[in-house]
C-alpha atoms as a PDB file:
ATOM      1  CA  MET A   1      62.012 148.205 225.662  1.00  0.00           C
ATOM      2  CA  TRP A   2      65.187 149.304 227.547  1.00  0.00           C
ATOM      3  CA  LEU A   3      65.495 153.237 227.443  1.00  0.00           C
ATOM      4  CA  SER A   4      67.841 155.622 228.640  1.00  0.00           C
ATOM      5  CA  SER A   5      67.020 159.246 229.912  1.00  0.00           C
ATOM      6  CA  GLU A   6      66.967 160.361 226.417  1.00  0.00           C
ATOM      7  CA  GLN A   7      64.207 157.678 225.528  1.00  0.00           C
ATOM      8  CA  THR A   8      66.423 155.792 223.060  1.00  0.00           C
ATOM      9  CA  PRO A   9      66.039 152.121 222.597  1.00  0.00           C
ATOM     10  CA  TRP A  10      69.051 150.094 223.549  1.00  0.00           C
ATOM     11  CA  SER A  11      70.882 147.956 221.135  1.00  0.00           C
ATOM     12  CA  PRO A  12      71.081 144.116 221.902  1.00  0.00           C
ATOM     13  CA  ALA A  13      74.640 144.820 222.825  1.00  0.00           C
ATOM     14  CA  ARG A  14      74.037 147.522 225.328  1.00  0.00           C
ATOM     15  CA  ARG A  15      71.189 145.388 226.877  1.00  0.00           C
ATOM     16  CA  GLU A  16      73.662 142.465 227.325  1.00  0.00           C
ATOM     17  CA  ALA A  17      76.342 144.698 228.663  1.00  0.00           C
ATOM     18  CA  TYR A  18      73.825 145.877 231.391  1.00  0.00           C
ATOM     19  CA  ALA A  19      72.698 142.488 232.224  1.00  0.00           C
ATOM     20  CA  ASN A  20      76.168 141.178 232.549  1.00  0.00           C
ATOM     21  CA  ASP A  21      77.680 144.367 234.188  1.00  0.00           C
ATOM     22  CA  GLN A  22      80.436 142.854 236.451  1.00  0.00           C
ATOM     23  CA  ASP A  23      82.344 146.146 236.603  1.00  0.00           C
ATOM     24  CA  SER A  24      80.450 147.820 239.210  1.00  0.00           C
ATOM     25  CA  PRO A  25      80.561 146.554 242.927  1.00  0.00           C
ATOM     26  CA  ALA A  26      76.902 147.133 243.234  1.00  0.00           C
ATOM     27  CA  THR A  27      75.994 144.876 240.497  1.00  0.00           C
ATOM     28  CA  LEU A  28      75.064 141.650 242.585  1.00  0.00           C
ATOM     29  CA  ILE A  29      74.205 142.089 246.321  1.00  0.00           C
ATOM     30  CA  ALA A  30      73.529 139.011 248.265  1.00  0.00           C
ATOM     31  CA  VAL A  31      69.962 138.969 249.800  1.00  0.00           C
ATOM     32  CA  THR A  32      67.772 136.282 251.160  1.00  0.00           C
ATOM     33  CA  ALA A  33      65.184 134.804 248.840  1.00  0.00           C
ATOM     34  CA  ALA A  34      62.393 136.261 250.705  1.00  0.00           C
ATOM     35  CA  SER A  35      63.714 139.624 250.332  1.00  0.00           C
ATOM     36  CA  ASN A  36      64.259 139.073 246.442  1.00  0.00           C
ATOM     37  CA  ARG A  37      60.702 138.107 246.121  1.00  0.00           C
ATOM     38  CA  SER A  38      59.262 141.081 247.915  1.00  0.00           C
ATOM     39  CA  LYS A  39      61.466 143.528 246.079  1.00  0.00           C
ATOM     40  CA  ALA A  40      60.783 141.834 242.557  1.00  0.00           C
ATOM     41  CA  ASP A  41      60.997 144.666 240.132  1.00  0.00           C
ATOM     42  CA  LYS A  42      59.888 147.425 242.389  1.00  0.00           C
ATOM     43  CA  ASP A  43      61.834 150.828 242.475  1.00  0.00           C
ATOM     44  CA  PRO A  44      62.429 152.845 245.744  1.00  0.00           C
ATOM     45  CA  ALA A  45      58.956 154.674 245.612  1.00  0.00           C
ATOM     46  CA  GLU A  46      57.409 151.059 245.949  1.00  0.00           C
ATOM     47  CA  TRP A  47      60.072 149.097 247.899  1.00  0.00           C
ATOM     48  CA  LEU A  48      62.880 149.530 250.322  1.00  0.00           C
ATOM     49  CA  PRO A  49      64.861 147.200 252.354  1.00  0.00           C
ATOM     50  CA  SER A  50      63.322 146.287 255.761  1.00  0.00           C
ATOM     51  CA  ASP A  51      66.407 147.251 257.642  1.00  0.00           C
ATOM     52  CA  ALA A  52      65.896 151.070 257.694  1.00  0.00           C
ATOM     53  CA  SER A  53      69.664 151.628 258.582  1.00  0.00           C
ATOM     54  CA  TYR A  54      70.473 150.391 255.011  1.00  0.00           C
ATOM     55  CA  HIS A  55      68.182 152.882 253.148  1.00  0.00           C
ATOM     56  CA  CYS A  56      70.736 155.466 252.532  1.00  0.00           C
ATOM     57  CA  ALA A  57      73.192 153.012 251.193  1.00  0.00           C
ATOM     58  CA  TYR A  58      70.607 151.247 249.169  1.00  0.00           C
ATOM     59  CA  THR A  59      69.549 154.518 247.620  1.00  0.00           C
ATOM     60  CA  ALA A  60      73.037 155.601 246.754  1.00  0.00           C
ATOM     61  CA  THR A  61      73.394 152.289 244.972  1.00  0.00           C
ATOM     62  CA  TRP A  62      70.145 152.641 243.280  1.00  0.00           C
ATOM     63  CA  VAL A  63      71.096 156.108 241.978  1.00  0.00           C
ATOM     64  CA  GLY A  64      74.512 155.429 241.026  1.00  0.00           C
ATOM     65  CA  THR A  65      73.173 152.555 238.786  1.00  0.00           C
ATOM     66  CA  LYS A  66      70.856 154.799 237.082  1.00  0.00           C
ATOM     67  CA  LEU A  67      73.620 157.276 236.649  1.00  0.00           C
ATOM     68  CA  ARG A  68      76.082 154.627 235.360  1.00  0.00           C
ATOM     69  CA  TRP A  69      73.572 153.360 232.777  1.00  0.00           C
ATOM     70  CA  ASP A  70      71.793 156.832 232.061  1.00  0.00           C
ATOM     71  CA  LEU A  71      68.447 155.261 233.046  1.00  0.00           C
ATOM     72  CA  SER A  72      65.412 157.621 233.477  1.00  0.00           C
ATOM     73  CA  ALA A  73      62.895 157.576 236.508  1.00  0.00           C
ATOM     74  CA  ASP A  74      59.375 158.253 236.564  1.00  0.00           C
ATOM     75  CA  GLU A  75      57.829 160.912 238.677  1.00  0.00           C
ATOM     76  CA  ALA A  76      57.012 158.575 241.675  1.00  0.00           C
ATOM     77  CA  GLU A  77      60.405 157.233 241.796  1.00  0.00           C
ATOM     78  CA  ARG A  78      62.091 160.650 241.427  1.00  0.00           C
ATOM     79  CA  GLU A  79      60.025 162.020 244.494  1.00  0.00           C
ATOM     80  CA  ALA A  80      60.848 158.926 246.562  1.00  0.00           C
ATOM     81  CA  LEU A  81      64.796 159.454 245.747  1.00  0.00           C
ATOM     82  CA  LEU A  82      64.540 163.180 246.678  1.00  0.00           C
ATOM     83  CA  GLY A  83      62.824 162.438 249.819  1.00  0.00           C
ATOM     84  CA  LEU A  84      65.338 159.674 250.699  1.00  0.00           C
ATOM     85  CA  ALA A  85      68.136 162.008 249.754  1.00  0.00           C
ATOM     86  CA  GLU A  86      66.798 164.595 252.389  1.00  0.00           C
ATOM     87  CA  ASP A  87      67.106 161.763 254.932  1.00  0.00           C
ATOM     88  CA  CYS A  88      70.728 160.788 253.899  1.00  0.00           C
ATOM     89  CA  PRO A  89      72.724 164.210 253.832  1.00  0.00           C
ATOM     90  CA  THR A  90      76.244 162.505 254.244  1.00  0.00           C
ATOM     91  CA  THR A  91      75.613 159.903 251.696  1.00  0.00           C
ATOM     92  CA  VAL A  92      77.564 160.061 248.632  1.00  0.00           C
ATOM     93  CA  VAL A  93      76.735 158.603 245.309  1.00  0.00           C
ATOM     94  CA  THR A  94      79.601 157.317 243.190  1.00  0.00           C
ATOM     95  CA  TYR A  95      79.531 155.725 240.011  1.00  0.00           C
ATOM     96  CA  GLU A  96      81.496 155.355 236.483  1.00  0.00           C
ATOM     97  CA  PRO A  97      79.680 155.789 233.461  1.00  0.00           C
ATOM     98  CA  ALA A  98      79.012 152.343 231.552  1.00  0.00           C
ATOM     99  CA  LEU A  99      80.752 152.145 228.114  1.00  0.00           C
END
């Protein structure tokens, strides 16, 4: 079940809009098949790109997507994101709320 931070189930239309979101530049990022397989459905508490120089940009993109779609984070994910934010003091998160 898809839930927002308010824990409200998403309508079929909202799930479709999320799955087909082409209005955000972060929607699709080209990666190798091996990288895609290693990440699977893991959040930043469980997986980060192997290139440490990309961690800040990856984290900003992740948080921007969470904010864009009003998605919640579990405690482990939240703690990981806070730790990453401390390591990225000059990184700015940008997003536009989804309609």
